[in-house]
Amino acid sequence: MKVEIVPSILSADVGRLAEQVKEAEAAGADRIQVDVMDGHFVPNLTFGPQVVEAVRRATKLPIEAHLMVERPEMFLEAFAKAGATLIEVQVEATSSLYRTVQTIKELGAKAGVAINPATPVEDLRDILPYIDLVNVMTVEPGFGGQKFIPHSPEKIRRLRGLSSKIEIEVDGGIDAHSAPLVVAAGATVLVAGNSVYGFKGGVAAGIKAIRKALD
């Protein structure tokens, strides 16, 4: 199974957003992640639907909107209309996860759920048949550039044991060192921020370094 690399624009130069997205596409990125933060669920405030619209204009790649917001069900339609092809919600942020997942699918997008480092993967057992992807956060959500949490591969391994088919995405501290660890544990999608957009050799070199580490 091919491992997908998903640059996160949280680490991009927003003043050159379209250019940075196009650089990632040209370098072989598989999709683009837009991190949506509300300043309540996480202590940071970032992008909204208009940014998804801007990314949509800049690329033909799939776009995933990771909603790190309280009451994500209020914003699903706006992000779907803006062009998100996959919408992820935090399991900790909604009391109606099944309904939220069903709404995402009714809007024509793929449905994903994300879990914080302290949330057990076993909590997902009943929702797994209804979703396309689980995003295992390997840092505390809210800010880019954090260090990878060392016990994360074991958590990914436990999740893979619950489902052999689900896409497992890993988000936080992913670089050439941590990428092989999480893929060996069962991850199939790698979100990379600083290791792509902050890479000294440029975006293409950052993606190439991760792919080389997986060979």
Protein backbone atom coordinates (compact mmCIF):
# COMPACT_ATOMS: atom_id res chain seq x y z
CA MET A 1 0.00 0.00 0.00
CA LYS A 2 1.34 3.41 -0.99
CA VAL A 3 2.08 5.78 1.87
CA GLU A 4 0.58 9.20 1.18
CA ILE A 5 2.32 12.42 2.16
CA VAL A 6 0.07 15.34 3.05
CA PRO A 7 1.72 18.75 3.54
CA SER A 8 0.01 20.93 6.15
CA ILE A 9 -0.32 24.59 5.23
CA LEU A 10 -0.13 25.46 8.94
CA SER A 11 3.63 25.65 8.32
CA ALA A 12 3.43 27.32 4.90
CA ASP A 13 4.12 30.95 4.11
CA VAL A 14 0.52 32.18 4.03
CA GLY A 15 1.58 35.26 2.08
CA ARG A 16 2.55 32.88 -0.74
CA LEU A 17 -0.14 30.30 -0.07
CA ALA A 18 -1.11 29.48 -3.67
CA GLU A 19 2.54 29.21 -4.68
CA GLN A 20 3.36 27.00 -1.69
CA VAL A 21 0.43 24.67 -2.43
CA LYS A 22 1.47 24.40 -6.08
CA GLU A 23 5.05 23.62 -5.01
CA ALA A 24 3.78 20.73 -2.90
CA GLU A 25 1.65 19.39 -5.75
CA ALA A 26 4.57 19.57 -8.19
CA ALA A 27 6.76 17.76 -5.66
CA GLY A 28 4.40 14.78 -5.51
CA ALA A 29 2.23 15.52 -2.48
CA ASP A 30 -0.88 13.34 -2.37
CA ARG A 31 -3.23 15.91 -0.83
CA ILE A 32 -3.15 19.12 1.18
CA GLN A 33 -4.22 19.56 4.80
CA VAL A 34 -5.88 22.70 6.13
CA ASP A 35 -5.72 22.89 9.93
CA VAL A 36 -8.79 24.66 11.27
CA MET A 37 -8.47 25.94 14.86
CA ASP A 38 -11.00 28.01 16.78
CA GLY A 39 -9.03 29.30 19.79
CA HIS A 40 -11.33 27.28 22.10
CA PHE A 41 -10.81 23.58 21.48
CA VAL A 42 -7.14 24.36 20.92
CA PRO A 43 -5.24 27.50 21.99
CA ASN A 44 -4.71 28.87 18.51
CA LEU A 45 -6.78 30.51 15.79
CA THR A 46 -6.12 29.64 12.16
CA PHE A 47 -7.98 29.04 8.92
CA GLY A 48 -11.61 29.06 7.82
CA PRO A 49 -13.59 28.02 4.72
CA GLN A 50 -12.19 30.91 2.66
CA VAL A 51 -8.71 29.44 2.95
CA VAL A 52 -10.02 26.07 1.75
CA GLU A 53 -11.53 27.91 -1.23
CA ALA A 54 -8.14 29.51 -1.94
CA VAL A 55 -6.36 26.16 -1.74
CA ARG A 56 -9.02 24.63 -4.00
CA ARG A 57 -8.28 27.27 -6.64
CA ALA A 58 -4.56 26.56 -6.40
CA THR A 59 -4.56 22.77 -6.76
CA LYS A 60 -6.37 19.76 -8.15
CA LEU A 61 -5.20 17.63 -5.20
CA PRO A 62 -7.70 16.39 -2.60
CA ILE A 63 -8.02 18.75 0.37
CA GLU A 64 -8.57 17.58 3.91
CA ALA A 65 -9.95 19.98 6.48
CA HIS A 66 -8.96 18.99 10.02
CA LEU A 67 -11.48 20.70 12.29
CA MET A 68 -9.90 21.27 15.70
CA VAL A 69 -12.95 23.19 16.84
CA GLU A 70 -15.75 22.92 19.36
CA ARG A 71 -19.09 21.77 17.92
CA PRO A 72 -17.65 20.87 14.51
CA GLU A 73 -21.11 19.86 13.28
CA MET A 74 -21.88 23.59 12.90
CA PHE A 75 -19.22 24.05 10.22
CA LEU A 76 -19.39 20.92 8.08
CA GLU A 77 -21.50 22.37 5.29
CA ALA A 78 -19.30 25.46 4.94
CA PHE A 79 -16.13 23.41 4.53
CA ALA A 80 -17.72 20.93 2.17
CA LYS A 81 -18.99 23.78 -0.03
CA ALA A 82 -15.55 25.40 0.09
CA GLY A 83 -14.02 22.33 -1.54
CA ALA A 84 -12.84 20.00 1.22
CA THR A 85 -12.84 16.42 -0.05
CA LEU A 86 -12.23 14.92 3.39
CA ILE A 87 -13.38 16.44 6.66
CA GLU A 88 -11.88 15.30 9.96
CA VAL A 89 -13.43 16.05 13.34
CA GLN A 90 -11.93 15.57 16.77
CA VAL A 91 -13.75 12.84 18.69
CA GLU A 92 -13.31 14.88 21.87
CA ALA A 93 -15.13 17.89 20.38
CA THR A 94 -18.58 16.50 19.63
CA SER A 95 -21.20 14.61 21.63
CA SER A 96 -22.87 13.32 18.45
CA LEU A 97 -20.02 11.67 16.55
CA TYR A 98 -22.12 9.21 14.53
CA ARG A 99 -24.49 11.94 13.36
CA THR A 100 -21.55 14.20 12.51
CA VAL A 101 -19.89 11.48 10.44
CA GLN A 102 -23.13 10.77 8.60
CA THR A 103 -23.58 14.47 7.84
CA ILE A 104 -20.09 14.70 6.35
CA LYS A 105 -20.89 11.82 4.01
CA GLU A 106 -24.26 13.29 3.06
CA LEU A 107 -22.39 16.45 2.05
CA GLY A 108 -20.33 14.39 -0.39
CA ALA A 109 -17.02 14.37 1.49
CA LYS A 110 -15.07 11.53 3.03
CA ALA A 111 -15.31 11.35 6.83
CA GLY A 112 -12.37 11.16 9.19
CA VAL A 113 -11.94 11.38 12.94
CA ALA A 114 -8.89 12.59 14.83
CA ILE A 115 -7.86 11.64 18.36
CA ASN A 116 -5.68 13.50 20.81
CA PRO A 117 -2.62 11.77 22.30
CA ALA A 118 -4.44 10.86 25.54
CA THR A 119 -7.54 9.41 23.82
CA PRO A 120 -7.45 5.60 23.60
CA VAL A 121 -7.87 4.09 20.15
CA GLU A 122 -10.27 1.59 21.71
CA ASP A 123 -12.80 4.43 21.99
CA LEU A 124 -13.13 4.31 18.19
CA ARG A 125 -14.21 0.67 17.93
CA ASP A 126 -17.90 1.44 17.27
CA ILE A 127 -17.35 4.28 14.79
CA LEU A 128 -14.70 2.55 12.63
CA PRO A 129 -17.20 0.90 10.23
CA TYR A 130 -18.62 4.32 9.30
CA ILE A 131 -15.47 6.36 8.63
CA ASP A 132 -12.76 6.49 5.99
CA LEU A 133 -9.78 7.57 8.09
CA VAL A 134 -8.44 7.95 11.63
CA ASN A 135 -5.93 10.70 12.33
CA VAL A 136 -3.74 9.73 15.27
CA MET A 137 -2.34 12.95 16.68
CA THR A 138 1.28 12.41 17.68
CA VAL A 139 1.56 15.84 19.31
CA GLU A 140 -0.96 17.88 21.27
CA PRO A 141 -3.02 19.71 18.64
CA GLY A 142 -2.84 23.47 18.36
CA PHE A 143 0.63 24.39 17.13
CA GLY A 144 3.10 23.28 14.49
CA GLY A 145 6.70 22.36 15.16
CA GLN A 146 6.16 20.17 18.23
CA LYS A 147 8.18 17.06 19.03
CA PHE A 148 6.84 13.62 18.14
CA ILE A 149 5.44 11.74 21.17
CA PRO A 150 7.58 8.58 21.48
CA HIS A 151 4.85 6.09 22.45
CA SER A 152 2.79 6.91 19.36
CA PRO A 153 3.84 3.88 17.24
CA GLU A 154 2.41 1.51 19.85
CA LYS A 155 -0.89 3.38 19.73
CA ILE A 156 -0.95 3.13 15.94
CA ARG A 157 -0.22 -0.60 16.21
CA ARG A 158 -3.23 -1.07 18.50
CA LEU A 159 -5.46 0.83 16.09
CA ARG A 160 -4.27 -1.27 13.15
CA GLY A 161 -5.21 -4.31 15.23
CA LEU A 162 -8.80 -3.02 15.37
CA SER A 163 -9.05 -2.62 11.58
CA SER A 164 -6.91 -3.87 8.72
CA LYS A 165 -8.68 -1.64 6.18
CA ILE A 166 -9.01 1.82 7.75
CA GLU A 167 -6.68 4.57 6.56
CA ILE A 168 -4.47 5.58 9.48
CA GLU A 169 -3.13 9.10 9.27
CA VAL A 170 -0.44 10.42 11.59
CA ASP A 171 -0.13 14.10 12.34
CA GLY A 172 2.55 15.78 14.45
CA GLY A 173 6.33 15.76 14.41
CA ILE A 174 6.53 13.73 11.20
CA ASP A 175 9.90 13.87 9.47
CA ALA A 176 12.47 11.52 7.98
CA HIS A 177 13.20 10.06 11.42
CA SER A 178 9.67 9.44 12.69
CA ALA A 179 8.02 8.52 9.38
CA PRO A 180 9.49 4.98 9.16
CA LEU A 181 8.47 4.30 12.77
CA VAL A 182 4.80 5.11 12.23
CA VAL A 183 4.60 3.37 8.85
CA ALA A 184 6.09 0.21 10.37
CA ALA A 185 3.33 0.41 13.00
CA GLY A 186 0.59 0.57 10.36
CA ALA A 187 0.18 4.21 9.28
CA THR A 188 -0.71 4.87 5.64
CA VAL A 189 -0.96 8.68 5.53
CA LEU A 190 1.63 11.13 6.87
CA VAL A 191 0.86 14.78 7.55
CA ALA A 192 4.02 16.87 7.43
CA GLY A 193 4.29 20.56 8.21
CA ASN A 194 7.67 21.94 9.22
CA SER A 195 9.52 19.00 7.65
CA VAL A 196 8.11 20.06 4.26
CA TYR A 197 7.53 23.82 4.41
CA GLY A 198 10.39 24.47 6.82
CA PHE A 199 12.89 22.19 5.12
CA LYS A 200 16.13 24.02 4.30
CA GLY A 201 16.31 22.62 0.80
CA GLY A 202 12.75 23.60 -0.05
CA VAL A 203 9.38 21.89 -0.32
CA ALA A 204 10.36 19.31 -2.94
CA ALA A 205 13.48 18.34 -0.99
CA GLY A 206 11.44 17.98 2.21
CA ILE A 207 8.96 15.58 0.60
CA LYS A 208 11.81 13.69 -1.08
CA ALA A 209 13.60 13.25 2.28
CA ILE A 210 10.54 11.64 3.83
CA ARG A 211 9.97 9.34 0.85
CA LYS A 212 13.65 8.35 0.84
CA ALA A 213 13.44 7.47 4.53
CA LEU A 214 10.55 5.10 3.74
CA ASP A 215 12.41 3.24 0.97
